[in-house]
N, C-alpha and C. Protein backbone atom coordinates (compact mmCIF):
# COMPACT_ATOMS: atom_id res chain seq x y z
N UNK A 1 9.49 -48.40 28.33
CA UNK A 1 11.16 -48.10 28.43
C UNK A 1 11.80 -47.82 27.49
N UNK A 2 13.04 -46.78 27.33
CA UNK A 2 13.03 -46.81 26.30
C UNK A 2 14.50 -47.18 26.02
N UNK A 3 14.68 -48.11 24.53
CA UNK A 3 15.89 -48.56 24.58
C UNK A 3 17.02 -47.32 23.84
N UNK A 4 18.60 -47.63 24.33
CA UNK A 4 19.10 -46.89 24.07
C UNK A 4 20.48 -47.18 23.57
N UNK A 5 20.11 -48.49 22.97
CA UNK A 5 21.62 -49.60 21.73
C UNK A 5 20.66 -49.05 20.46
N UNK A 6 21.80 -48.57 19.82
CA UNK A 6 20.70 -47.88 18.34
C UNK A 6 21.11 -48.84 18.18
N UNK A 7 21.48 -50.35 18.19
CA UNK A 7 21.34 -51.42 17.05
C UNK A 7 20.00 -52.32 17.75
N UNK A 8 19.98 -52.16 19.09
CA UNK A 8 18.07 -52.42 19.20
C UNK A 8 17.39 -51.57 18.96
N UNK A 9 17.36 -50.19 18.69
CA UNK A 9 16.59 -49.48 19.05
C UNK A 9 15.93 -49.20 17.40
N UNK A 10 17.16 -49.67 16.16
CA UNK A 10 16.40 -49.69 15.02
C UNK A 10 16.09 -51.05 14.31
N UNK A 11 16.31 -52.28 15.34
CA UNK A 11 15.56 -53.34 15.14
C UNK A 11 14.06 -53.36 15.29
N UNK A 12 13.69 -52.54 16.76
CA UNK A 12 12.70 -52.41 17.15
C UNK A 12 11.60 -51.55 15.75
N UNK A 13 12.57 -50.23 15.96
CA UNK A 13 11.86 -49.81 14.55
C UNK A 13 11.61 -50.32 13.12
N UNK A 14 12.58 -51.30 13.33
CA UNK A 14 12.33 -52.02 11.75
C UNK A 14 10.84 -52.74 11.82
N UNK A 15 10.86 -53.58 13.14
CA UNK A 15 9.35 -54.65 13.34
C UNK A 15 8.07 -53.18 13.52
N UNK A 16 8.42 -52.38 13.87
CA UNK A 16 7.06 -51.59 14.03
C UNK A 16 6.39 -50.58 12.23
N UNK A 17 8.01 -50.45 11.56
CA UNK A 17 7.35 -50.55 9.84
C UNK A 17 6.80 -51.89 9.37
N UNK A 18 7.08 -52.66 10.09
CA UNK A 18 6.39 -54.15 9.43
C UNK A 18 5.22 -54.33 9.53
N UNK A 19 4.71 -53.55 10.90
CA UNK A 19 3.39 -53.54 11.39
C UNK A 19 2.61 -52.28 10.80
N UNK A 20 3.07 -51.38 10.43
CA UNK A 20 2.22 -50.07 9.80
C UNK A 20 2.40 -50.94 8.35
N UNK A 21 3.29 -51.63 7.81
CA UNK A 21 2.99 -51.96 6.16
C UNK A 21 2.04 -52.89 6.16
N UNK A 22 1.99 -53.95 7.10
CA UNK A 22 1.06 -54.47 6.92
C UNK A 22 -0.74 -54.08 7.28
N UNK A 23 -1.04 -53.01 7.86
CA UNK A 23 -1.74 -52.27 8.48
C UNK A 23 -2.28 -52.04 6.97
N UNK A 24 -1.47 -51.17 6.09
CA UNK A 24 -1.35 -50.67 4.85
C UNK A 24 -2.18 -51.48 3.84
N UNK A 25 -1.66 -53.00 3.73
CA UNK A 25 -1.43 -53.89 2.72
C UNK A 25 -3.59 -53.96 2.96
N UNK A 26 -3.54 -54.36 4.57
CA UNK A 26 -5.48 -54.24 4.97
C UNK A 26 -6.38 -53.34 4.20
N UNK A 27 -5.43 -51.96 4.17
CA UNK A 27 -6.30 -50.79 3.38
C UNK A 27 -6.60 -51.31 1.99
N UNK A 28 -5.40 -51.88 1.03
CA UNK A 28 -5.72 -52.29 -0.10
C UNK A 28 -5.76 -51.37 -0.51
N UNK A 29 -5.13 -49.77 -0.37
CA UNK A 29 -5.53 -48.30 -1.52
C UNK A 29 -3.57 -48.42 -1.81
N UNK A 30 -3.57 -48.62 -3.79
CA UNK A 30 -2.58 -48.54 -4.03
C UNK A 30 -1.66 -47.94 -3.73
N UNK A 31 -2.36 -46.39 -3.79
CA UNK A 31 -0.99 -45.28 -3.41
C UNK A 31 -0.37 -45.90 -1.98
N UNK A 32 -1.29 -46.42 -1.01
CA UNK A 32 -0.62 -46.21 0.24
C UNK A 32 0.14 -47.78 0.23
N UNK A 33 -0.13 -48.73 -0.67
CA UNK A 33 1.01 -49.81 -0.83
C UNK A 33 2.14 -49.58 -1.70
N UNK A 34 2.18 -48.87 -2.01
CA UNK A 34 3.49 -48.19 -2.77
C UNK A 34 4.34 -47.44 -2.25
N UNK A 35 3.60 -46.71 -1.48
CA UNK A 35 4.28 -45.68 -0.71
C UNK A 35 4.92 -46.48 0.53
N UNK A 36 3.89 -47.66 1.02
CA UNK A 36 4.37 -48.24 2.42
C UNK A 36 5.44 -48.72 2.00
N UNK A 37 5.54 -49.50 0.93
CA UNK A 37 7.02 -50.38 0.55
C UNK A 37 8.02 -49.67 0.18
N UNK A 38 7.52 -48.21 -0.17
CA UNK A 38 9.38 -48.05 -0.03
C UNK A 38 9.51 -47.23 1.13
N UNK A 39 8.43 -47.01 2.47
CA UNK A 39 8.66 -47.05 3.59
C UNK A 39 9.40 -48.23 3.92
N UNK A 40 8.68 -49.63 4.16
CA UNK A 40 9.21 -50.91 4.50
C UNK A 40 10.87 -50.61 4.39
N UNK A 41 11.21 -50.53 3.08
CA UNK A 41 12.06 -50.72 2.63
C UNK A 41 13.21 -49.67 3.24
N UNK A 42 12.96 -48.56 3.37
CA UNK A 42 13.97 -47.61 3.58
C UNK A 42 14.33 -47.82 5.32
N UNK A 43 13.21 -48.00 6.13
CA UNK A 43 12.75 -47.91 7.54
C UNK A 43 13.98 -49.22 7.97
N UNK A 44 13.84 -50.74 7.18
CA UNK A 44 14.80 -51.48 7.89
C UNK A 44 15.68 -51.40 6.88
N UNK A 45 15.84 -50.67 6.39
CA UNK A 45 17.38 -50.47 5.74
C UNK A 45 18.36 -50.15 6.85
N UNK A 46 18.24 -48.93 7.73
CA UNK A 46 18.63 -48.54 8.97
C UNK A 46 19.63 -49.20 9.53
N UNK A 47 18.56 -50.11 10.10
CA UNK A 47 19.30 -50.94 11.09
C UNK A 47 20.57 -52.14 10.37
N UNK A 48 19.87 -52.27 9.17
CA UNK A 48 20.71 -53.21 8.60
C UNK A 48 21.85 -52.67 8.07
N UNK A 49 22.52 -51.24 7.69
CA UNK A 49 23.18 -50.52 7.71
C UNK A 49 24.48 -50.35 8.74
N UNK A 50 23.39 -50.00 9.89
CA UNK A 50 24.10 -49.69 10.97
C UNK A 50 24.85 -51.41 11.37
N UNK A 51 24.44 -52.50 11.69
CA UNK A 51 24.70 -53.89 12.15
C UNK A 51 26.39 -54.05 11.05
N UNK A 52 25.74 -53.32 9.50
CA UNK A 52 26.83 -53.59 8.80
C UNK A 52 28.04 -52.75 9.53
N UNK A 53 27.80 -51.80 10.11
CA UNK A 53 28.56 -50.80 10.47
C UNK A 53 29.86 -51.19 11.25
N UNK A 54 29.38 -52.06 12.09
CA UNK A 54 29.79 -52.86 13.22
C UNK A 54 31.19 -53.84 13.01
N UNK A 55 30.66 -54.24 11.80
CA UNK A 55 32.34 -55.21 11.28
C UNK A 55 33.37 -53.98 10.30
N UNK A 56 33.21 -52.50 10.06
CA UNK A 56 33.42 -51.40 9.18
C UNK A 56 34.71 -52.02 9.06
N UNK A 57 35.66 -51.97 8.22
CA UNK A 57 37.25 -52.26 7.71
C UNK A 57 37.77 -51.31 8.65
N UNK A 58 37.65 -49.68 8.81
CA UNK A 58 37.95 -48.92 8.98
C UNK A 58 37.16 -47.65 9.77
N UNK A 59 37.25 -46.62 10.15
CA UNK A 59 36.54 -45.95 10.98
C UNK A 59 35.88 -45.29 9.93
N UNK A 60 36.23 -44.85 8.75
CA UNK A 60 36.09 -43.88 7.85
C UNK A 60 34.66 -45.00 7.33
N UNK A 61 34.86 -46.38 6.95
CA UNK A 61 34.01 -47.42 6.48
C UNK A 61 32.56 -47.19 7.31
N UNK A 62 33.15 -46.91 8.97
CA UNK A 62 31.94 -47.07 9.91
C UNK A 62 31.38 -45.75 9.90
N UNK A 63 31.81 -45.10 9.03
CA UNK A 63 31.25 -43.69 9.26
C UNK A 63 30.45 -43.44 8.24
N UNK A 64 30.86 -44.63 6.94
CA UNK A 64 30.05 -44.41 5.43
C UNK A 64 28.63 -45.32 5.66
N UNK A 65 29.21 -46.27 6.62
CA UNK A 65 27.73 -47.15 6.71
C UNK A 65 27.02 -46.19 7.53
N UNK A 66 27.48 -46.17 8.50
CA UNK A 66 26.16 -44.99 9.44
C UNK A 66 25.55 -43.60 8.68
N UNK A 67 26.41 -43.54 7.71
CA UNK A 67 26.10 -41.97 7.20
C UNK A 67 24.54 -42.41 6.33
N UNK A 68 24.62 -43.75 5.97
CA UNK A 68 23.53 -44.62 5.03
C UNK A 68 22.82 -44.41 5.83
N UNK A 69 22.60 -45.14 7.01
CA UNK A 69 21.54 -45.51 7.53
C UNK A 69 20.90 -43.93 8.06
N UNK A 70 22.00 -42.70 8.69
CA UNK A 70 21.09 -41.59 8.10
C UNK A 70 20.18 -41.15 6.97
N UNK A 71 20.44 -41.71 5.56
CA UNK A 71 20.07 -41.03 4.67
C UNK A 71 18.52 -41.85 4.95
N UNK A 72 18.64 -43.16 5.02
CA UNK A 72 17.80 -44.03 4.94
C UNK A 72 16.48 -43.64 6.08
N UNK A 73 16.76 -43.15 6.90
CA UNK A 73 16.09 -42.61 8.07
C UNK A 73 15.32 -41.43 7.71
N UNK A 74 16.08 -40.51 7.37
CA UNK A 74 15.70 -38.94 6.56
C UNK A 74 14.25 -39.37 5.29
N UNK A 75 15.09 -40.53 4.65
CA UNK A 75 13.80 -40.98 4.01
C UNK A 75 12.31 -41.81 4.26
N UNK A 76 12.95 -42.51 5.23
CA UNK A 76 11.64 -43.08 5.83
C UNK A 76 10.48 -42.26 6.42
N UNK A 77 11.44 -40.77 7.39
CA UNK A 77 10.47 -39.55 7.53
C UNK A 77 9.66 -39.30 6.71
N UNK A 78 10.78 -38.68 5.36
CA UNK A 78 9.41 -38.43 4.11
C UNK A 78 8.49 -39.14 3.66
N UNK A 79 8.54 -40.93 3.59
CA UNK A 79 7.65 -41.75 3.29
C UNK A 79 6.67 -41.43 4.62
N UNK A 80 6.77 -41.34 5.65
CA UNK A 80 6.08 -41.39 6.94
C UNK A 80 5.03 -40.08 6.78
N UNK A 81 5.88 -38.77 6.50
CA UNK A 81 5.13 -37.66 6.13
C UNK A 81 3.95 -37.91 5.28
N UNK A 82 4.40 -38.27 3.91
CA UNK A 82 3.66 -37.96 2.78
C UNK A 82 2.29 -38.79 3.37
N UNK A 83 2.46 -40.42 4.18
CA UNK A 83 1.27 -40.61 4.84
C UNK A 83 0.26 -40.37 4.95
N UNK A 84 0.70 -39.33 5.96
CA UNK A 84 -0.10 -38.51 6.76
C UNK A 84 -0.70 -37.53 5.93
N UNK A 85 0.37 -36.96 5.19
CA UNK A 85 0.09 -35.51 4.66
C UNK A 85 -1.49 -36.34 3.79
N UNK A 86 -1.50 -37.40 3.06
CA UNK A 86 -2.22 -37.60 1.92
C UNK A 86 -3.21 -38.03 2.20
N UNK A 87 -3.50 -38.19 3.71
CA UNK A 87 -4.35 -38.59 4.90
C UNK A 87 -4.52 -40.40 4.48
N UNK A 88 -3.75 -40.92 3.79
CA UNK A 88 -3.53 -42.33 3.67
C UNK A 88 -3.69 -43.17 5.16
N UNK A 89 -2.87 -42.72 5.85
CA UNK A 89 -2.55 -42.79 7.42
C UNK A 89 -2.95 -41.61 8.46
N UNK A 90 -4.15 -42.03 9.36
CA UNK A 90 -4.10 -41.21 9.95
C UNK A 90 -2.96 -40.89 11.06
N UNK A 91 -2.93 -39.37 11.70
CA UNK A 91 -2.23 -38.93 12.30
C UNK A 91 -1.35 -39.68 13.54
N UNK A 92 -2.52 -40.22 14.00
CA UNK A 92 -2.13 -41.20 15.23
C UNK A 92 -1.72 -42.78 15.26
N UNK A 93 -1.67 -42.61 13.93
CA UNK A 93 -0.88 -43.78 13.03
C UNK A 93 0.32 -44.15 12.48
N UNK A 94 1.10 -42.34 12.63
CA UNK A 94 2.60 -42.05 11.45
C UNK A 94 3.25 -41.57 13.25
N UNK A 95 2.25 -40.95 14.24
CA UNK A 95 2.86 -39.89 14.81
C UNK A 95 3.68 -40.33 15.81
N UNK A 96 3.59 -41.78 16.21
CA UNK A 96 4.97 -42.14 16.82
C UNK A 96 6.52 -42.56 16.22
N UNK A 97 5.95 -43.09 14.97
CA UNK A 97 6.62 -43.52 14.05
C UNK A 97 8.00 -42.42 13.77
N UNK A 98 7.04 -41.13 13.55
CA UNK A 98 7.62 -39.74 13.19
C UNK A 98 8.58 -39.65 14.51
N UNK A 99 8.02 -39.17 15.53
CA UNK A 99 8.82 -38.98 16.59
C UNK A 99 10.36 -39.86 16.65
N UNK A 100 9.94 -40.98 16.23
CA UNK A 100 10.86 -42.43 16.71
C UNK A 100 12.11 -41.79 15.77
N UNK A 101 11.69 -41.70 14.60
CA UNK A 101 12.12 -41.07 13.21
C UNK A 101 13.34 -40.03 13.60
N UNK A 102 13.06 -39.28 13.89
CA UNK A 102 13.66 -37.97 14.04
C UNK A 102 14.60 -38.41 15.26
N UNK A 103 13.97 -39.29 16.34
CA UNK A 103 15.20 -39.17 17.14
C UNK A 103 16.27 -40.12 16.93
N UNK A 104 15.88 -41.63 16.10
CA UNK A 104 16.86 -41.77 15.51
C UNK A 104 17.77 -41.23 14.58
N UNK A 105 17.70 -40.69 13.97
CA UNK A 105 18.53 -39.01 12.81
C UNK A 105 19.08 -38.50 13.94
N UNK A 106 18.50 -38.14 14.98
CA UNK A 106 19.84 -37.03 15.77
C UNK A 106 20.94 -38.64 16.67
N UNK A 107 19.99 -39.22 16.61
CA UNK A 107 21.38 -40.11 17.58
C UNK A 107 22.58 -40.66 16.24
N UNK A 108 22.18 -40.92 14.84
CA UNK A 108 23.05 -41.05 13.80
C UNK A 108 23.71 -40.22 13.63
N UNK A 109 23.31 -38.96 13.18
CA UNK A 109 24.07 -37.49 13.32
C UNK A 109 24.94 -37.70 14.51
N UNK A 110 24.72 -37.71 15.40
CA UNK A 110 25.70 -37.28 16.90
C UNK A 110 26.68 -38.79 16.68
N UNK A 111 26.54 -40.04 16.55
CA UNK A 111 27.69 -41.10 16.48
C UNK A 111 27.96 -40.28 15.52
N UNK A 112 28.00 -40.45 14.02
CA UNK A 112 28.86 -39.56 12.99
C UNK A 112 30.01 -38.67 13.45
N UNK A 113 29.08 -37.63 14.45
CA UNK A 113 29.77 -36.16 14.38
C UNK A 113 30.90 -36.66 15.59
N UNK A 114 30.56 -37.63 16.25
CA UNK A 114 31.93 -37.78 17.34
C UNK A 114 32.89 -39.18 16.77
N UNK A 115 32.39 -39.52 15.63
CA UNK A 115 33.11 -40.84 15.41
C UNK A 115 34.14 -39.26 13.90
N UNK A 116 33.94 -38.51 13.70
CA UNK A 116 34.62 -37.89 13.21
C UNK A 116 35.51 -37.08 13.54
N UNK A 117 35.28 -36.70 14.80
CA UNK A 117 35.83 -35.96 15.56
C UNK A 117 37.12 -36.87 16.46
N UNK A 118 37.38 -37.79 16.74
CA UNK A 118 37.61 -39.28 17.25
C UNK A 118 38.81 -39.12 15.89
N UNK A 119 37.91 -39.71 14.83
CA UNK A 119 39.39 -39.87 13.82
C UNK A 119 40.15 -38.36 13.40
N UNK A 120 39.79 -37.44 13.55
CA UNK A 120 40.52 -36.39 13.66
C UNK A 120 41.56 -35.62 14.70
N UNK A 121 41.10 -36.23 15.67
CA UNK A 121 41.83 -36.59 16.46
C UNK A 121 42.58 -37.63 16.44
N UNK A 122 42.77 -39.31 16.12
CA UNK A 122 43.60 -39.80 16.32
C UNK A 122 44.93 -38.81 14.65
N UNK A 123 43.76 -38.32 13.62
CA UNK A 123 44.88 -38.00 12.55
C UNK A 123 45.97 -37.21 13.53
N UNK A 124 45.48 -35.89 14.31
CA UNK A 124 46.72 -35.06 14.97
C UNK A 124 47.62 -35.47 15.63
N UNK A 125 47.64 -36.53 16.41
CA UNK A 125 48.37 -37.28 17.42
C UNK A 125 49.47 -38.14 16.97
N UNK A 126 49.02 -38.02 15.12
CA UNK A 126 50.15 -39.34 14.08
C UNK A 126 51.28 -38.55 14.04
């Protein structure tokens, strides 16, 4: 079942990131632990910034928080690709997360673009 609400989707994504980090801890590889920690930080930050955006003080603040979430998602993608390319994790361990990260980036980008369009339209009407 696909989750379409971005807040729920990024929450579930963060849970998967925690699972991946726990798996890396069991491997006890130093590079895996360091990169895994970087991934865990950026992956859990995506949803946190989206949650924070919900109470943004303005549309500009909303866009700013979503832009931070977008950057964190892109960083998460980098760490996942690095874990896979370095063979710290197998392709099957990262395949779903890489796909989901790309989809989350697309959704966040669309939200930012649409909000900016709405903001421009509001300014024109004034």
